[in-house]
């Protein structure tokens, strides 16, 4: 099956395509990443078409699509969901929507300590959750550094258990936690801001974290958008 994965949850736009058909006798994974800022809607379809062209398939040959479920950028999540859902409805194929923080933590499941994926939610807060060994320890949170420091203290197995932060908010959050933890107990993923479409693709290919066809679902937000709050 040819599977398309889209990550539009933050400023870095990424897309990945796993192919089993296309160029004769060839299958593989194709990937593209762009620091898109707020231009996701302009660039996403171009990225998808480019991946299909490079892989030697047509968009109609895609057998499944995946996108980030949230939390993340309000606009970015809607764009990713709209593109993936539109493709799935047009082709009659399933959609997989994977929680963003689960995807951010996925490749660090072998870390011998706590994994803390964090996205800058503005207003002094972060979208975050705590993980150990690939298992989520907390709810998905929209929390201040002070609250996250308390959650870390509550969930660490010992005062020396190390914490690794990843995601677009990792470096900022690490600086905000510095007063509560020794420097040697906090690490930051070397590439925290990278797109995660490859990880999303791997999750779907391995049938992990999936709950079935999400074609009737939509993005999950942990707070109301500024526009909703303004016009209440």
Protein backbone atom coordinates (compact mmCIF):
# COMPACT_ATOMS: atom_id res chain seq x y z
CA UNK A 1 0.00 0.00 0.00
CA UNK A 2 1.19 3.53 -0.79
CA UNK A 3 0.85 5.72 2.34
CA UNK A 4 1.06 9.52 2.55
CA UNK A 5 1.82 11.28 5.86
CA UNK A 6 1.50 15.04 6.47
CA UNK A 7 2.80 17.12 9.37
CA UNK A 8 1.44 20.67 9.37
CA UNK A 9 1.29 21.03 13.15
CA UNK A 10 3.94 23.76 13.34
CA UNK A 11 5.99 26.09 11.12
CA UNK A 12 8.06 23.26 9.63
CA UNK A 13 5.93 21.56 6.99
CA UNK A 14 6.89 17.97 6.18
CA UNK A 15 5.43 15.19 4.06
CA UNK A 16 6.46 11.57 3.62
CA UNK A 17 5.35 8.91 1.16
CA UNK A 18 5.91 5.17 1.45
CA UNK A 19 5.50 3.36 -1.87
CA UNK A 20 5.01 -0.26 -2.81
CA UNK A 21 4.26 0.53 -6.44
CA UNK A 22 5.56 3.08 -8.90
CA UNK A 23 8.89 2.75 -10.64
CA UNK A 24 9.20 -0.91 -11.77
CA UNK A 25 10.60 -3.11 -9.04
CA UNK A 26 11.09 -0.20 -6.65
CA UNK A 27 9.59 0.68 -3.28
CA UNK A 28 10.80 3.13 -0.69
CA UNK A 29 10.16 6.22 1.41
CA UNK A 30 10.15 9.72 -0.05
CA UNK A 31 10.38 12.80 2.14
CA UNK A 32 10.30 16.58 1.91
CA UNK A 33 10.55 19.30 4.55
CA UNK A 34 10.13 23.07 4.29
CA UNK A 35 10.30 25.83 6.90
CA UNK A 36 6.94 27.10 5.69
CA UNK A 37 6.11 29.63 8.38
CA UNK A 38 2.45 30.44 7.69
CA UNK A 39 2.48 29.28 4.04
CA UNK A 40 1.29 25.70 4.57
CA UNK A 41 -1.81 26.17 2.39
CA UNK A 42 0.34 27.46 -0.49
CA UNK A 43 2.97 24.72 -0.32
CA UNK A 44 1.27 21.53 0.84
CA UNK A 45 -0.24 20.34 -2.45
CA UNK A 46 3.00 21.16 -4.25
CA UNK A 47 4.83 18.95 -1.74
CA UNK A 48 2.38 16.09 -2.24
CA UNK A 49 2.59 16.30 -6.02
CA UNK A 50 6.38 16.45 -5.88
CA UNK A 51 6.58 13.32 -3.72
CA UNK A 52 4.28 11.41 -6.05
CA UNK A 53 6.26 12.49 -9.10
CA UNK A 54 9.57 11.47 -7.54
CA UNK A 55 8.14 8.11 -6.50
CA UNK A 56 6.66 7.46 -9.93
CA UNK A 57 3.05 7.21 -8.79
CA UNK A 58 -0.11 9.24 -9.26
CA UNK A 59 -1.97 10.80 -6.31
CA UNK A 60 -4.76 8.36 -7.21
CA UNK A 61 -2.39 5.49 -6.33
CA UNK A 62 -2.27 6.50 -2.65
CA UNK A 63 -3.97 3.88 -0.49
CA UNK A 64 -3.98 5.65 2.88
CA UNK A 65 -3.26 9.09 4.31
CA UNK A 66 -2.20 10.24 7.76
CA UNK A 67 -2.04 13.61 9.49
CA UNK A 68 -1.39 15.09 12.91
CA UNK A 69 -4.43 15.09 15.19
CA UNK A 70 -3.21 17.87 17.47
CA UNK A 71 -2.39 19.77 19.54
CA UNK A 72 -0.49 22.26 17.44
CA UNK A 73 -1.03 25.31 15.27
CA UNK A 74 -4.77 25.91 14.91
CA UNK A 75 -4.47 26.87 11.24
CA UNK A 76 -1.78 24.30 10.44
CA UNK A 77 -3.80 21.41 11.85
CA UNK A 78 -6.90 22.45 9.91
CA UNK A 79 -4.90 22.64 6.67
CA UNK A 80 -3.38 19.20 7.18
CA UNK A 81 -6.71 17.64 8.11
CA UNK A 82 -8.49 19.26 5.18
CA UNK A 83 -5.90 18.09 2.65
CA UNK A 84 -5.73 14.54 4.02
CA UNK A 85 -9.49 14.19 4.46
CA UNK A 86 -10.22 15.59 1.00
CA UNK A 87 -7.82 13.11 -0.56
CA UNK A 88 -9.29 10.22 1.41
CA UNK A 89 -12.89 11.10 0.56
CA UNK A 90 -12.06 11.52 -3.12
CA UNK A 91 -10.23 8.18 -3.33
CA UNK A 92 -12.33 6.23 -0.84
CA UNK A 93 -9.29 5.41 1.33
CA UNK A 94 -8.79 5.46 5.13
CA UNK A 95 -7.41 8.35 7.17
CA UNK A 96 -5.21 7.95 10.25
CA UNK A 97 -4.95 10.92 12.65
CA UNK A 98 -2.19 10.54 15.24
CA UNK A 99 -1.83 12.74 18.36
CA UNK A 100 1.02 15.19 17.73
CA UNK A 101 2.74 14.74 21.08
CA UNK A 102 2.71 10.94 20.71
CA UNK A 103 4.41 11.36 17.36
CA UNK A 104 7.02 13.75 18.76
CA UNK A 105 7.89 11.27 21.51
CA UNK A 106 7.87 8.19 19.27
CA UNK A 107 11.51 8.00 18.20
CA UNK A 108 12.74 8.65 21.75
CA UNK A 109 10.96 5.65 23.27
CA UNK A 110 14.34 4.00 23.97
CA UNK A 111 15.49 6.99 26.04
CA UNK A 112 16.33 5.75 29.57
CA UNK A 113 14.31 8.41 31.34
CA UNK A 114 11.43 10.80 30.75
CA UNK A 115 10.65 12.16 27.30
CA UNK A 116 9.01 15.60 27.24
CA UNK A 117 7.71 16.72 23.82
CA UNK A 118 6.81 20.40 23.95
CA UNK A 119 5.24 22.87 21.54
CA UNK A 120 5.23 26.59 22.27
CA UNK A 121 1.55 27.39 22.88
CA UNK A 122 2.33 31.11 23.48
CA UNK A 123 0.97 33.07 26.45
CA UNK A 124 3.72 31.51 28.58
CA UNK A 125 2.44 27.95 28.14
CA UNK A 126 3.35 24.79 26.25
CA UNK A 127 1.45 21.88 24.75
CA UNK A 128 3.20 18.93 26.39
CA UNK A 129 2.99 15.45 27.91
CA UNK A 130 5.38 13.12 29.71
CA UNK A 131 6.46 9.71 28.38
CA UNK A 132 8.68 6.86 29.50
CA UNK A 133 9.57 3.82 27.42
CA UNK A 134 7.05 4.76 24.76
CA UNK A 135 4.16 4.99 27.25
CA UNK A 136 2.40 8.26 28.03
CA UNK A 137 2.45 9.13 31.74
CA UNK A 138 0.18 12.20 31.80
CA UNK A 139 -2.72 13.79 30.02
CA UNK A 140 -1.99 16.09 27.08
CA UNK A 141 -1.41 19.45 28.75
CA UNK A 142 -1.61 23.15 27.97
CA UNK A 143 0.59 24.13 30.87
CA UNK A 144 3.03 26.68 32.23
CA UNK A 145 6.67 25.74 32.93
CA UNK A 146 5.85 25.81 36.66
CA UNK A 147 3.13 23.18 36.25
CA UNK A 148 5.34 21.06 34.01
CA UNK A 149 8.14 21.22 36.58
CA UNK A 150 5.72 19.86 39.20
CA UNK A 151 4.60 17.08 36.84
CA UNK A 152 8.21 16.12 36.21
CA UNK A 153 8.97 16.05 39.92
CA UNK A 154 5.93 13.86 40.52
CA UNK A 155 6.70 11.38 37.73
CA UNK A 156 10.48 11.01 37.91
CA UNK A 157 11.58 7.65 39.32
CA UNK A 158 14.51 9.29 41.12
CA UNK A 159 16.05 12.77 41.51
CA UNK A 160 18.71 11.70 39.02
CA UNK A 161 16.39 10.48 36.25
CA UNK A 162 17.22 12.40 33.10
CA UNK A 163 14.67 14.28 30.99
CA UNK A 164 14.99 14.84 27.25
CA UNK A 165 12.92 17.56 25.59
CA UNK A 166 11.92 17.55 21.93
CA UNK A 167 9.62 19.52 19.66
CA UNK A 168 9.54 23.15 18.57
CA UNK A 169 9.23 24.40 22.15
CA UNK A 170 12.00 22.22 23.61
CA UNK A 171 14.77 24.79 23.81
CA UNK A 172 12.54 27.52 25.25
CA UNK A 173 10.97 25.20 27.81
CA UNK A 174 14.37 23.82 28.81
CA UNK A 175 15.53 27.35 29.63
CA UNK A 176 12.38 27.91 31.71
CA UNK A 177 12.95 24.67 33.67
CA UNK A 178 16.62 25.37 34.36
CA UNK A 179 15.95 26.85 37.79
CA UNK A 180 14.22 23.67 39.00
CA UNK A 181 16.60 21.00 37.70
CA UNK A 182 20.32 20.42 37.56
CA UNK A 183 21.79 21.06 34.07
CA UNK A 184 22.94 17.44 33.75
CA UNK A 185 19.36 16.23 34.24
CA UNK A 186 17.91 18.13 31.27
CA UNK A 187 18.76 17.36 27.65
CA UNK A 188 17.39 18.77 24.39
CA UNK A 189 16.95 16.68 21.26
CA UNK A 190 19.70 17.80 18.79
CA UNK A 191 17.05 18.53 16.12
CA UNK A 192 13.93 19.51 18.05
CA UNK A 193 12.26 21.58 15.31
CA UNK A 194 12.40 19.03 12.49
CA UNK A 195 9.24 17.92 10.72
CA UNK A 196 7.79 14.62 11.90
CA UNK A 197 6.09 13.22 8.81
CA UNK A 198 8.59 10.33 8.69
CA UNK A 199 7.75 9.38 12.28
CA UNK A 200 4.05 9.69 11.50
CA UNK A 201 4.52 7.42 8.51
CA UNK A 202 6.39 4.83 10.57
CA UNK A 203 3.67 4.79 13.22
CA UNK A 204 1.00 4.16 10.61
CA UNK A 205 3.07 1.54 8.76
CA UNK A 206 3.65 -0.33 12.01
CA UNK A 207 -0.02 0.02 12.96
CA UNK A 208 0.91 1.67 16.26
CA UNK A 209 -1.23 4.18 18.18
CA UNK A 210 -4.01 3.71 15.64
CA UNK A 211 -7.72 3.60 16.46
CA UNK A 212 -9.06 2.84 12.98
CA UNK A 213 -10.35 5.09 10.22
CA UNK A 214 -10.49 8.73 11.41
CA UNK A 215 -12.30 10.09 8.35
CA UNK A 216 -15.13 11.50 10.50
CA UNK A 217 -12.85 13.13 13.08
CA UNK A 218 -11.21 16.54 13.25
CA UNK A 219 -8.30 18.28 14.96
CA UNK A 220 -7.97 18.12 18.74
CA UNK A 221 -7.26 21.48 20.40
CA UNK A 222 -6.34 21.94 24.05
CA UNK A 223 -7.62 25.52 24.14
CA UNK A 224 -9.88 27.83 22.19
CA UNK A 225 -8.31 29.90 19.43
CA UNK A 226 -7.76 33.63 19.91
CA UNK A 227 -10.55 34.29 17.39
CA UNK A 228 -13.02 32.18 19.40
CA UNK A 229 -12.05 33.88 22.64
CA UNK A 230 -12.32 37.32 21.03
CA UNK A 231 -15.84 36.76 19.69
CA UNK A 232 -17.36 34.94 22.66
